[in-house]
């Protein structure tokens, strides 16, 4: 696991590109699939349940800041290509959108790991184009396939500035269940985390 002492990429031009793609002429939509669902940290005018096709939620991104450290990396969710993902979209009024994006970059893009994308999100009221933070399998921060014993260790030991990987995963799972979404893969990982660790 490579240690990251500096951002993989400069987040600033990526923010400017996202702002340009948004254009500033309308309200901003943001798609949440992990902690943004239960802790958006920004004001919004509307929230809807949404589904994205072509991407899925996976606890497969190394976190060396928010939920871990360079010495003991944790894991956070990324959106990987393939499948589908149910989550939440938030509508931010046009007047507040630029500042919200700046704040989102400070939270989600501090190390320049995610690939920001504009995705079509299907809701009961129609499809909206929303900003989402996706992860490339080619990224050094993509954890790939990990054995259960490694997940157990990470859940037991990893913690960062926002708390532990385990609490993060559990909070996301609980909120998804409240929304009527049963993420079986995440549920299995949490069950693994609670199993006795082998010596």
C-alpha atoms as a PDB file:
ATOM      1  CA  UNK A   1       0.000   0.000   0.000  1.00  0.00           C
ATOM      2  CA  UNK A   2       1.714   3.211  -1.084  1.00  0.00           C
ATOM      3  CA  UNK A   3       1.864   6.019   1.456  1.00  0.00           C
ATOM      4  CA  UNK A   4       0.512   9.341   0.280  1.00  0.00           C
ATOM      5  CA  UNK A   5       2.378  12.373   1.581  1.00  0.00           C
ATOM      6  CA  UNK A   6       0.840  14.689  -1.025  1.00  0.00           C
ATOM      7  CA  UNK A   7      -2.240  14.736  -3.251  1.00  0.00           C
ATOM      8  CA  UNK A   8      -2.198  12.336  -6.193  1.00  0.00           C
ATOM      9  CA  UNK A   9      -3.370  15.200  -8.402  1.00  0.00           C
ATOM     10  CA  UNK A  10      -3.864  18.908  -7.903  1.00  0.00           C
ATOM     11  CA  UNK A  11      -7.540  19.265  -6.899  1.00  0.00           C
ATOM     12  CA  UNK A  12      -7.765  22.943  -7.921  1.00  0.00           C
ATOM     13  CA  UNK A  13      -8.004  22.533 -11.721  1.00  0.00           C
ATOM     14  CA  UNK A  14     -10.401  19.636 -11.213  1.00  0.00           C
ATOM     15  CA  UNK A  15     -12.659  21.972  -9.237  1.00  0.00           C
ATOM     16  CA  UNK A  16     -12.465  24.625 -11.933  1.00  0.00           C
ATOM     17  CA  UNK A  17     -13.377  22.028 -14.557  1.00  0.00           C
ATOM     18  CA  UNK A  18     -16.363  20.856 -12.498  1.00  0.00           C
ATOM     19  CA  UNK A  19     -17.526  24.434 -12.011  1.00  0.00           C
ATOM     20  CA  UNK A  20     -17.213  25.022 -15.743  1.00  0.00           C
ATOM     21  CA  UNK A  21     -19.154  21.841 -16.508  1.00  0.00           C
ATOM     22  CA  UNK A  22     -21.906  22.926 -14.114  1.00  0.00           C
ATOM     23  CA  UNK A  23     -22.010  26.314 -15.830  1.00  0.00           C
ATOM     24  CA  UNK A  24     -23.633  28.321 -13.060  1.00  0.00           C
ATOM     25  CA  UNK A  25     -26.939  28.828 -14.858  1.00  0.00           C
ATOM     26  CA  UNK A  26     -29.033  26.441 -12.773  1.00  0.00           C
ATOM     27  CA  UNK A  27     -29.263  24.716  -9.428  1.00  0.00           C
ATOM     28  CA  UNK A  28     -26.627  22.107  -8.576  1.00  0.00           C
ATOM     29  CA  UNK A  29     -27.417  18.424  -7.986  1.00  0.00           C
ATOM     30  CA  UNK A  30     -25.050  16.247  -5.935  1.00  0.00           C
ATOM     31  CA  UNK A  31     -25.275  12.437  -5.738  1.00  0.00           C
ATOM     32  CA  UNK A  32     -24.505  10.860  -2.372  1.00  0.00           C
ATOM     33  CA  UNK A  33     -23.818   7.149  -1.983  1.00  0.00           C
ATOM     34  CA  UNK A  34     -21.782   7.023   1.255  1.00  0.00           C
ATOM     35  CA  UNK A  35     -21.370   9.534   4.063  1.00  0.00           C
ATOM     36  CA  UNK A  36     -22.963  12.293   1.976  1.00  0.00           C
ATOM     37  CA  UNK A  37     -26.270  10.462   2.510  1.00  0.00           C
ATOM     38  CA  UNK A  38     -26.186  10.831   6.287  1.00  0.00           C
ATOM     39  CA  UNK A  39     -23.798  13.787   6.708  1.00  0.00           C
ATOM     40  CA  UNK A  40     -23.983  16.090   3.692  1.00  0.00           C
ATOM     41  CA  UNK A  41     -22.575  19.103   5.602  1.00  0.00           C
ATOM     42  CA  UNK A  42     -24.270  21.570   3.257  1.00  0.00           C
ATOM     43  CA  UNK A  43     -27.684  23.190   2.992  1.00  0.00           C
ATOM     44  CA  UNK A  44     -29.962  21.923   0.243  1.00  0.00           C
ATOM     45  CA  UNK A  45     -33.401  22.810  -1.056  1.00  0.00           C
ATOM     46  CA  UNK A  46     -34.507  19.309  -1.980  1.00  0.00           C
ATOM     47  CA  UNK A  47     -33.487  15.688  -1.462  1.00  0.00           C
ATOM     48  CA  UNK A  48     -34.605  12.669  -3.485  1.00  0.00           C
ATOM     49  CA  UNK A  49     -33.810   8.981  -3.547  1.00  0.00           C
ATOM     50  CA  UNK A  50     -32.008   8.177  -6.791  1.00  0.00           C
ATOM     51  CA  UNK A  51     -30.471   5.353  -8.795  1.00  0.00           C
ATOM     52  CA  UNK A  52     -27.440   5.464 -11.069  1.00  0.00           C
ATOM     53  CA  UNK A  53     -26.773   2.817 -13.709  1.00  0.00           C
ATOM     54  CA  UNK A  54     -23.254   1.862 -14.748  1.00  0.00           C
ATOM     55  CA  UNK A  55     -21.678   2.408 -11.320  1.00  0.00           C
ATOM     56  CA  UNK A  56     -21.812   0.676  -7.940  1.00  0.00           C
ATOM     57  CA  UNK A  57     -20.877   1.503  -4.332  1.00  0.00           C
ATOM     58  CA  UNK A  58     -17.813  -0.354  -2.990  1.00  0.00           C
ATOM     59  CA  UNK A  59     -15.822  -0.082   0.236  1.00  0.00           C
ATOM     60  CA  UNK A  60     -12.573  -0.279  -1.705  1.00  0.00           C
ATOM     61  CA  UNK A  61     -10.828   3.081  -1.459  1.00  0.00           C
ATOM     62  CA  UNK A  62      -7.880   3.542   0.879  1.00  0.00           C
ATOM     63  CA  UNK A  63      -8.351   6.431   3.299  1.00  0.00           C
ATOM     64  CA  UNK A  64      -5.227   7.924   4.827  1.00  0.00           C
ATOM     65  CA  UNK A  65      -6.878  11.054   6.192  1.00  0.00           C
ATOM     66  CA  UNK A  66     -10.620  10.885   6.892  1.00  0.00           C
ATOM     67  CA  UNK A  67     -10.922   7.280   8.144  1.00  0.00           C
ATOM     68  CA  UNK A  68      -7.318   6.190   8.502  1.00  0.00           C
ATOM     69  CA  UNK A  69      -3.716   7.367   8.525  1.00  0.00           C
ATOM     70  CA  UNK A  70      -0.710   6.790   6.241  1.00  0.00           C
ATOM     71  CA  UNK A  71       0.559   4.285   8.822  1.00  0.00           C
ATOM     72  CA  UNK A  72      -2.809   2.528   9.220  1.00  0.00           C
ATOM     73  CA  UNK A  73      -5.023   3.200   6.190  1.00  0.00           C
ATOM     74  CA  UNK A  74      -8.750   2.790   6.508  1.00  0.00           C
ATOM     75  CA  UNK A  75     -11.360   2.354   3.821  1.00  0.00           C
ATOM     76  CA  UNK A  76     -14.093   4.575   2.418  1.00  0.00           C
ATOM     77  CA  UNK A  77     -16.626   4.104  -0.339  1.00  0.00           C
ATOM     78  CA  UNK A  78     -15.944   4.796  -3.963  1.00  0.00           C
ATOM     79  CA  UNK A  79     -18.172   4.393  -6.996  1.00  0.00           C
ATOM     80  CA  UNK A  80     -16.667   1.802  -9.323  1.00  0.00           C
ATOM     81  CA  UNK A  81     -17.818   1.188 -12.876  1.00  0.00           C
ATOM     82  CA  UNK A  82     -20.363  -1.568 -13.455  1.00  0.00           C
ATOM     83  CA  UNK A  83     -23.720  -2.461 -11.966  1.00  0.00           C
ATOM     84  CA  UNK A  84     -25.968   0.137 -10.356  1.00  0.00           C
ATOM     85  CA  UNK A  85     -26.116   2.224  -7.206  1.00  0.00           C
ATOM     86  CA  UNK A  86     -29.002   3.541  -5.139  1.00  0.00           C
ATOM     87  CA  UNK A  87     -28.411   6.651  -3.084  1.00  0.00           C
ATOM     88  CA  UNK A  88     -29.613  10.229  -2.658  1.00  0.00           C
ATOM     89  CA  UNK A  89     -29.461  13.371  -4.769  1.00  0.00           C
ATOM     90  CA  UNK A  90     -29.432  16.826  -3.207  1.00  0.00           C
ATOM     91  CA  UNK A  91     -30.468  20.023  -4.979  1.00  0.00           C
ATOM     92  CA  UNK A  92     -28.419  23.079  -4.024  1.00  0.00           C
ATOM     93  CA  UNK A  93     -29.804  26.501  -5.015  1.00  0.00           C
ATOM     94  CA  UNK A  94     -27.801  28.229  -7.728  1.00  0.00           C
ATOM     95  CA  UNK A  95     -26.736  31.092  -5.446  1.00  0.00           C
ATOM     96  CA  UNK A  96     -25.075  28.732  -2.961  1.00  0.00           C
ATOM     97  CA  UNK A  97     -23.794  26.129  -5.420  1.00  0.00           C
ATOM     98  CA  UNK A  98     -20.289  27.491  -6.037  1.00  0.00           C
ATOM     99  CA  UNK A  99     -19.463  27.663  -2.333  1.00  0.00           C
ATOM    100  CA  UNK A 100     -20.942  24.213  -1.757  1.00  0.00           C
ATOM    101  CA  UNK A 101     -18.694  22.805  -4.477  1.00  0.00           C
ATOM    102  CA  UNK A 102     -15.656  24.487  -2.937  1.00  0.00           C
ATOM    103  CA  UNK A 103     -16.544  22.978   0.440  1.00  0.00           C
ATOM    104  CA  UNK A 104     -17.129  19.555  -1.128  1.00  0.00           C
ATOM    105  CA  UNK A 105     -13.670  19.700  -2.697  1.00  0.00           C
ATOM    106  CA  UNK A 106     -12.110  20.374   0.706  1.00  0.00           C
ATOM    107  CA  UNK A 107     -13.906  17.341   2.116  1.00  0.00           C
ATOM    108  CA  UNK A 108     -13.852  14.830  -0.755  1.00  0.00           C
ATOM    109  CA  UNK A 109     -10.949  15.929  -2.953  1.00  0.00           C
ATOM    110  CA  UNK A 110      -8.214  16.919  -0.504  1.00  0.00           C
ATOM    111  CA  UNK A 111      -5.917  14.217  -1.945  1.00  0.00           C
ATOM    112  CA  UNK A 112      -7.252  14.390  -5.510  1.00  0.00           C
ATOM    113  CA  UNK A 113      -8.224  10.714  -5.500  1.00  0.00           C
ATOM    114  CA  UNK A 114     -11.766  10.734  -6.860  1.00  0.00           C
ATOM    115  CA  UNK A 115     -12.736  11.326 -10.484  1.00  0.00           C
ATOM    116  CA  UNK A 116     -15.644  13.819 -10.356  1.00  0.00           C
ATOM    117  CA  UNK A 117     -18.307  12.976 -12.948  1.00  0.00           C
ATOM    118  CA  UNK A 118     -21.718  14.240 -13.960  1.00  0.00           C
ATOM    119  CA  UNK A 119     -24.055  11.255 -13.939  1.00  0.00           C
ATOM    120  CA  UNK A 120     -27.705  10.773 -14.887  1.00  0.00           C
ATOM    121  CA  UNK A 121     -29.568   9.943 -11.684  1.00  0.00           C
ATOM    122  CA  UNK A 122     -33.061   8.507 -11.963  1.00  0.00           C
ATOM    123  CA  UNK A 123     -35.586   9.699  -9.403  1.00  0.00           C
ATOM    124  CA  UNK A 124     -39.338   9.271  -9.019  1.00  0.00           C
ATOM    125  CA  UNK A 125     -39.738  12.859 -10.273  1.00  0.00           C
ATOM    126  CA  UNK A 126     -37.488  12.388 -13.304  1.00  0.00           C
ATOM    127  CA  UNK A 127     -33.806  12.146 -14.207  1.00  0.00           C
ATOM    128  CA  UNK A 128     -31.341  14.762 -12.969  1.00  0.00           C
ATOM    129  CA  UNK A 129     -27.674  15.316 -13.874  1.00  0.00           C
ATOM    130  CA  UNK A 130     -25.688  15.252 -10.660  1.00  0.00           C
ATOM    131  CA  UNK A 131     -22.090  15.576  -9.539  1.00  0.00           C
ATOM    132  CA  UNK A 132     -20.713  12.283  -8.224  1.00  0.00           C
ATOM    133  CA  UNK A 133     -17.299  11.233  -6.942  1.00  0.00           C
ATOM    134  CA  UNK A 134     -16.160   8.061  -8.727  1.00  0.00           C
ATOM    135  CA  UNK A 135     -13.045   5.934  -8.363  1.00  0.00           C
ATOM    136  CA  UNK A 136     -10.847   4.428 -11.073  1.00  0.00           C
ATOM    137  CA  UNK A 137      -9.605   0.879 -10.601  1.00  0.00           C
ATOM    138  CA  UNK A 138      -6.266   2.202 -11.871  1.00  0.00           C
ATOM    139  CA  UNK A 139      -5.974   4.594  -8.932  1.00  0.00           C
ATOM    140  CA  UNK A 140      -3.284   3.796  -6.324  1.00  0.00           C
ATOM    141  CA  UNK A 141      -6.051   4.327  -3.783  1.00  0.00           C
ATOM    142  CA  UNK A 142      -8.176   1.481  -5.174  1.00  0.00           C
ATOM    143  CA  UNK A 143      -7.839  -1.330  -2.634  1.00  0.00           C
ATOM    144  CA  UNK A 144      -8.902  -4.099  -4.992  1.00  0.00           C
ATOM    145  CA  UNK A 145      -9.955  -7.469  -3.576  1.00  0.00           C
ATOM    146  CA  UNK A 146      -9.060  -7.878   0.099  1.00  0.00           C
ATOM    147  CA  UNK A 147      -9.350 -11.041   2.215  1.00  0.00           C
ATOM    148  CA  UNK A 148     -11.843 -11.061   5.083  1.00  0.00           C
ATOM    149  CA  UNK A 149      -9.050 -11.054   7.645  1.00  0.00           C
ATOM    150  CA  UNK A 150      -7.788  -7.743   6.215  1.00  0.00           C
ATOM    151  CA  UNK A 151     -11.249  -6.205   6.499  1.00  0.00           C
ATOM    152  CA  UNK A 152     -11.366  -7.414  10.098  1.00  0.00           C
ATOM    153  CA  UNK A 153      -8.052  -5.739  10.850  1.00  0.00           C
ATOM    154  CA  UNK A 154      -9.075  -2.479   9.173  1.00  0.00           C
ATOM    155  CA  UNK A 155     -12.414  -2.366  10.984  1.00  0.00           C
ATOM    156  CA  UNK A 156     -10.645  -3.012  14.283  1.00  0.00           C
ATOM    157  CA  UNK A 157      -7.739  -0.574  13.895  1.00  0.00           C
ATOM    158  CA  UNK A 158      -8.242   2.155  11.281  1.00  0.00           C
ATOM    159  CA  UNK A 159      -9.314   5.652  12.358  1.00  0.00           C
ATOM    160  CA  UNK A 160      -8.819   9.139  10.930  1.00  0.00           C
ATOM    161  CA  UNK A 161      -9.918  12.731  11.462  1.00  0.00           C
ATOM    162  CA  UNK A 162     -13.614  11.842  11.010  1.00  0.00           C
ATOM    163  CA  UNK A 163     -13.510   8.628  13.061  1.00  0.00           C
ATOM    164  CA  UNK A 164     -13.188   4.915  12.366  1.00  0.00           C
ATOM    165  CA  UNK A 165     -13.755   2.975   9.181  1.00  0.00           C
ATOM    166  CA  UNK A 166     -16.110   0.686  11.066  1.00  0.00           C
ATOM    167  CA  UNK A 167     -18.342   3.519  12.328  1.00  0.00           C
ATOM    168  CA  UNK A 168     -18.391   5.033   8.840  1.00  0.00           C
ATOM    169  CA  UNK A 169     -19.447   1.748   7.251  1.00  0.00           C
ATOM    170  CA  UNK A 170     -22.068   1.059   9.930  1.00  0.00           C
ATOM    171  CA  UNK A 171     -23.591   4.552   9.675  1.00  0.00           C
ATOM    172  CA  UNK A 172     -23.871   4.191   5.910  1.00  0.00           C
ATOM    173  CA  UNK A 173     -25.437   0.739   6.193  1.00  0.00           C
ATOM    174  CA  UNK A 174     -27.946   1.931   8.797  1.00  0.00           C
ATOM    175  CA  UNK A 175     -29.005   4.909   6.669  1.00  0.00           C
ATOM    176  CA  UNK A 176     -29.342   2.735   3.573  1.00  0.00           C
ATOM    177  CA  UNK A 177     -31.598   0.349   5.496  1.00  0.00           C
ATOM    178  CA  UNK A 178     -33.672   3.300   6.674  1.00  0.00           C
ATOM    179  CA  UNK A 179     -34.127   4.200   3.006  1.00  0.00           C
ATOM    180  CA  UNK A 180     -35.192   0.627   2.233  1.00  0.00           C
ATOM    181  CA  UNK A 181     -31.875  -0.260   0.540  1.00  0.00           C
ATOM    182  CA  UNK A 182     -30.269  -3.564   1.539  1.00  0.00           C
ATOM    183  CA  UNK A 183     -26.604  -3.384   0.509  1.00  0.00           C
ATOM    184  CA  UNK A 184     -25.800  -7.074   0.900  1.00  0.00           C
ATOM    185  CA  UNK A 185     -22.103  -6.708   0.179  1.00  0.00           C
ATOM    186  CA  UNK A 186     -21.742  -4.089   2.913  1.00  0.00           C
ATOM    187  CA  UNK A 187     -23.869  -6.126   5.306  1.00  0.00           C
ATOM    188  CA  UNK A 188     -21.569  -9.103   4.782  1.00  0.00           C
ATOM    189  CA  UNK A 189     -18.468  -6.998   5.478  1.00  0.00           C
ATOM    190  CA  UNK A 190     -19.957  -5.702   8.716  1.00  0.00           C
ATOM    191  CA  UNK A 191     -20.763  -9.270   9.755  1.00  0.00           C
ATOM    192  CA  UNK A 192     -17.171 -10.216   8.989  1.00  0.00           C
ATOM    193  CA  UNK A 193     -15.970  -7.317  11.125  1.00  0.00           C
ATOM    194  CA  UNK A 194     -17.960  -8.587  14.103  1.00  0.00           C
ATOM    195  CA  UNK A 195     -16.626 -12.142  13.813  1.00  0.00           C
ATOM    196  CA  UNK A 196     -13.827 -13.176  16.196  1.00  0.00           C
ATOM    197  CA  UNK A 197     -10.393 -12.416  14.815  1.00  0.00           C
ATOM    198  CA  UNK A 198      -8.001 -15.297  14.368  1.00  0.00           C
ATOM    199  CA  UNK A 199      -4.786 -15.163  16.302  1.00  0.00           C
END
